[in-house]
N, C-alpha and C. Protein backbone atom coordinates (compact mmCIF):
# COMPACT_ATOMS: atom_id res chain seq x y z
N MET A 1 9.90 7.24 7.88
CA MET A 1 9.03 8.00 8.73
C MET A 1 7.66 9.21 8.72
N ALA A 2 6.71 9.64 9.45
CA ALA A 2 5.73 10.37 8.91
C ALA A 2 6.24 12.09 9.54
N ILE A 3 6.27 12.76 9.48
CA ILE A 3 6.44 14.56 9.42
C ILE A 3 5.25 15.15 10.64
N TYR A 4 4.19 13.94 10.54
CA TYR A 4 3.51 14.24 10.96
C TYR A 4 2.40 13.41 12.21
N LYS A 5 2.20 13.61 13.34
CA LYS A 5 2.07 13.60 14.80
C LYS A 5 0.61 13.26 14.53
N SER A 6 -0.46 11.61 14.63
CA SER A 6 -1.90 11.90 15.16
C SER A 6 -2.25 10.43 14.99
N ASP A 7 -3.76 10.43 16.26
CA ASP A 7 -3.68 8.93 17.19
C ASP A 7 -4.50 8.54 16.38
N LEU A 8 -5.36 8.87 14.91
CA LEU A 8 -6.75 8.62 13.89
C LEU A 8 -5.64 8.26 12.53
N VAL A 9 -4.49 8.89 12.29
CA VAL A 9 -3.87 8.11 11.74
C VAL A 9 -2.78 6.97 11.68
N LYS A 10 -1.81 6.73 11.03
CA LYS A 10 -0.52 5.33 11.62
C LYS A 10 -0.25 5.79 10.05
N PHE A 11 0.92 6.10 9.30
CA PHE A 11 2.01 6.44 8.83
C PHE A 11 2.46 4.90 8.70
N VAL A 12 2.81 3.97 8.03
CA VAL A 12 3.53 2.36 7.66
C VAL A 12 4.17 2.71 6.48
N GLN A 13 5.35 2.58 6.23
CA GLN A 13 6.29 2.42 5.15
C GLN A 13 6.61 1.13 5.19
N CYS A 14 6.67 0.64 3.97
CA CYS A 14 6.44 -0.83 3.69
C CYS A 14 6.84 -1.34 2.28
N ASN A 15 7.59 -2.41 2.15
CA ASN A 15 7.50 -2.59 0.63
C ASN A 15 6.04 -3.07 0.05
N LEU A 16 5.59 -2.74 -0.93
CA LEU A 16 4.44 -3.40 -1.27
C LEU A 16 4.65 -4.43 -2.32
N ALA A 17 6.41 -4.67 -3.07
CA ALA A 17 6.15 -6.22 -3.56
C ALA A 17 5.95 -7.30 -2.86
N ARG A 18 6.02 -7.04 -1.72
CA ARG A 18 5.95 -8.25 -1.25
C ARG A 18 5.11 -8.68 -0.25
N GLU A 19 3.87 -9.59 -0.31
CA GLU A 19 2.98 -9.83 0.49
C GLU A 19 3.44 -10.57 1.69
N GLN A 20 4.49 -11.26 2.19
CA GLN A 20 5.05 -10.93 3.14
C GLN A 20 5.29 -9.79 4.35
N THR A 21 5.50 -8.49 4.05
CA THR A 21 5.66 -7.05 4.30
C THR A 21 4.43 -6.49 5.09
N ILE A 22 3.47 -7.11 3.62
CA ILE A 22 1.84 -6.35 4.11
C ILE A 22 1.78 -6.36 4.95
N GLN A 23 1.80 -7.94 4.47
CA GLN A 23 1.14 -8.58 5.92
C GLN A 23 1.54 -8.33 7.65
N LYS A 24 2.64 -8.02 7.66
CA LYS A 24 3.67 -7.50 8.84
C LYS A 24 2.92 -6.40 9.07
N VAL A 25 2.74 -5.25 8.43
CA VAL A 25 2.14 -4.20 8.58
C VAL A 25 0.80 -4.59 9.20
N PHE A 26 -0.15 -5.35 8.95
CA PHE A 26 -1.51 -5.35 9.81
C PHE A 26 -1.51 -5.90 10.58
N ASP A 27 -0.47 -6.88 10.41
CA ASP A 27 -0.50 -8.18 11.76
C ASP A 27 -0.20 -7.22 13.72
N ALA A 28 1.32 -5.99 13.06
CA ALA A 28 1.65 -5.18 14.10
C ALA A 28 0.46 -3.80 14.07
N ALA A 29 -0.69 -3.60 13.40
CA ALA A 29 -1.48 -2.42 13.53
C ALA A 29 -2.35 -2.74 14.78
N GLY A 30 -2.39 -3.87 15.90
CA GLY A 30 -2.49 -3.77 17.21
C GLY A 30 -4.53 -4.22 17.23
N GLY A 31 -4.83 -4.46 15.73
CA GLY A 31 -6.55 -4.74 16.11
C GLY A 31 -6.84 -4.19 13.71
N PRO A 32 -8.50 -4.25 14.30
CA PRO A 32 -9.09 -4.34 12.70
C PRO A 32 -8.34 -2.86 11.89
N VAL A 33 -8.27 -2.90 10.72
CA VAL A 33 -7.36 -1.31 10.03
C VAL A 33 -8.80 -1.81 9.27
N ASP A 34 -9.40 -0.08 9.27
CA ASP A 34 -10.94 0.20 8.66
C ASP A 34 -10.29 0.53 7.35
N TYR A 35 -9.52 1.28 7.06
CA TYR A 35 -9.11 2.15 6.04
C TYR A 35 -7.94 1.95 5.19
N VAL A 36 -7.24 1.58 3.96
CA VAL A 36 -5.69 2.31 3.46
C VAL A 36 -5.44 2.36 2.60
N PHE A 37 -4.83 3.78 2.21
CA PHE A 37 -4.77 4.41 1.31
C PHE A 37 -3.46 4.23 0.56
N ASN A 38 -3.03 3.73 -0.76
CA ASN A 38 -2.31 3.63 -1.11
C ASN A 38 -1.95 5.00 -1.96
N LEU A 39 -0.30 5.18 -1.96
CA LEU A 39 -0.38 5.85 -2.30
C LEU A 39 0.52 6.04 -3.07
N ALA A 40 1.23 4.60 -2.63
CA ALA A 40 2.97 4.47 -3.49
C ALA A 40 2.96 4.22 -4.88
N ALA A 41 4.05 4.70 -5.66
CA ALA A 41 4.34 3.98 -7.09
C ALA A 41 5.63 4.99 -7.54
N ALA A 42 6.12 4.17 -7.76
CA ALA A 42 7.13 5.11 -8.44
C ALA A 42 6.60 5.48 -10.24
N THR A 43 6.75 6.46 -11.29
CA THR A 43 6.50 6.24 -12.50
C THR A 43 7.76 7.40 -13.18
N LYS A 44 7.79 7.16 -14.02
CA LYS A 44 8.41 8.26 -15.04
C LYS A 44 8.02 7.98 -16.61
N TYR A 45 8.03 9.02 -17.16
CA TYR A 45 8.14 9.13 -18.42
C TYR A 45 8.91 8.42 -19.37
N SER A 46 8.21 7.68 -20.35
CA SER A 46 9.28 6.52 -21.03
C SER A 46 9.75 5.11 -20.19
N GLN A 47 9.34 5.06 -19.23
CA GLN A 47 10.29 3.41 -18.73
C GLN A 47 9.19 2.27 -19.10
N ALA A 48 10.28 1.58 -19.36
CA ALA A 48 9.66 -0.07 -19.79
C ALA A 48 8.52 -0.31 -19.07
N PRO A 49 7.71 -1.24 -20.41
CA PRO A 49 6.73 -2.11 -19.31
C PRO A 49 6.51 -2.92 -18.26
N GLU A 50 7.65 -3.61 -18.72
CA GLU A 50 7.60 -4.12 -17.27
C GLU A 50 8.10 -4.05 -16.02
N VAL A 51 8.43 -2.44 -16.41
CA VAL A 51 8.92 -1.59 -14.43
C VAL A 51 7.43 -0.83 -14.48
N TYR A 52 6.78 -0.67 -15.38
CA TYR A 52 5.39 0.40 -14.81
C TYR A 52 4.82 -1.34 -14.55
N LYS A 53 4.97 -2.08 -14.73
CA LYS A 53 3.92 -3.13 -14.47
C LYS A 53 4.36 -3.52 -13.31
N GLU A 54 5.27 -3.54 -13.10
CA GLU A 54 5.69 -4.11 -11.52
C GLU A 54 5.93 -3.13 -10.72
N ASN A 55 6.18 -1.83 -10.67
CA ASN A 55 6.34 0.10 -9.94
C ASN A 55 4.48 -0.33 -9.90
N VAL A 56 3.74 -0.53 -10.58
CA VAL A 56 2.68 0.35 -10.85
C VAL A 56 1.17 -0.52 -10.39
N VAL A 57 1.43 -1.65 -11.48
CA VAL A 57 0.40 -1.81 -10.93
C VAL A 57 0.32 -3.77 -10.38
N ASP A 58 1.42 -4.22 -10.56
CA ASP A 58 2.02 -5.49 -9.47
C ASP A 58 1.08 -4.80 -8.02
N THR A 59 2.20 -4.00 -7.21
CA THR A 59 2.07 -3.52 -6.05
C THR A 59 1.18 -2.96 -5.58
N ALA A 60 -0.25 -2.09 -6.49
CA ALA A 60 -1.75 -1.75 -6.17
C ALA A 60 -2.50 -3.16 -6.14
N LYS A 61 -1.79 -4.43 -6.78
CA LYS A 61 -2.68 -5.29 -6.65
C LYS A 61 -2.18 -6.37 -5.25
N THR A 62 -0.97 -6.64 -5.23
CA THR A 62 -0.80 -7.17 -3.91
C THR A 62 -1.01 -5.99 -2.53
N ALA A 63 -1.32 -4.95 -2.60
CA ALA A 63 -1.99 -4.46 -1.71
C ALA A 63 -3.33 -4.29 -0.97
N ALA A 64 -4.28 -4.43 -1.83
CA ALA A 64 -5.49 -4.46 -2.70
C ALA A 64 -5.40 -6.46 -1.74
N ASN A 65 -4.69 -6.64 -2.39
CA ASN A 65 -5.65 -8.43 -1.93
C ASN A 65 -5.10 -8.82 -0.73
N ALA A 66 -4.45 -8.35 -0.55
CA ALA A 66 -4.22 -7.95 1.51
C ALA A 66 -4.48 -6.93 2.33
N ALA A 67 -5.54 -6.28 1.71
CA ALA A 67 -6.60 -5.13 1.96
C ALA A 67 -8.22 -6.25 2.07
N ALA A 68 -8.24 -6.50 1.44
CA ALA A 68 -9.15 -7.91 1.21
C ALA A 68 -9.00 -8.61 2.27
N LYS A 69 -7.73 -9.28 2.05
CA LYS A 69 -8.14 -10.33 2.92
C LYS A 69 -7.90 -10.11 4.45
N ASN A 70 -7.66 -9.08 5.17
CA ASN A 70 -7.56 -8.20 6.20
C ASN A 70 -9.13 -7.92 6.25
N LYS A 71 -9.88 -7.55 5.36
CA LYS A 71 -11.89 -7.50 5.69
C LYS A 71 -11.46 -5.68 5.99
N VAL A 72 -10.33 -5.28 5.70
CA VAL A 72 -10.25 -3.39 5.86
C VAL A 72 -11.78 -2.91 4.74
N LYS A 73 -12.61 -2.21 5.32
CA LYS A 73 -13.06 -1.24 5.17
C LYS A 73 -13.66 -0.54 3.40
N ARG A 74 -12.17 0.29 3.67
CA ARG A 74 -12.27 0.54 2.32
C ARG A 74 -10.99 0.32 2.23
N PHE A 75 -10.35 0.49 0.61
CA PHE A 75 -9.14 -0.02 0.05
C PHE A 75 -9.54 1.76 -0.72
N ILE A 76 -8.35 2.50 -0.76
CA ILE A 76 -8.60 3.70 -1.29
C ILE A 76 -6.70 4.01 -2.49
N HIS A 77 -6.33 3.82 -3.77
CA HIS A 77 -5.73 3.93 -4.68
C HIS A 77 -5.48 4.91 -5.25
N VAL A 78 -4.49 5.84 -4.93
CA VAL A 78 -4.32 7.11 -5.44
C VAL A 78 -3.26 6.79 -6.23
N SER A 79 -3.35 7.42 -7.90
CA SER A 79 -2.15 7.24 -8.72
C SER A 79 -1.86 8.28 -9.33
N THR A 80 -1.26 8.44 -10.05
CA THR A 80 -0.67 9.68 -11.53
C THR A 80 -0.70 8.91 -12.41
N ALA A 81 -0.70 7.82 -12.46
CA ALA A 81 -0.72 6.61 -13.55
C ALA A 81 -1.79 7.01 -15.08
């Protein structure tokens, strides 16, 4: 749940590791989505490479692919990695 309310921005929480979950977000938008900001990641110092790949790389790819499939104007990915 978002801590703010805005008619211009809609905060949606989903599991980025699952394509089906991401698609439900686009389906529920009620129309075209112009922008997607991916602010998700779980990073920790010295985590195993496979954990980093799943939590950062794979989720970013899944979200970017879903944005492209849904013809989003801009996909913005923010990362500390």
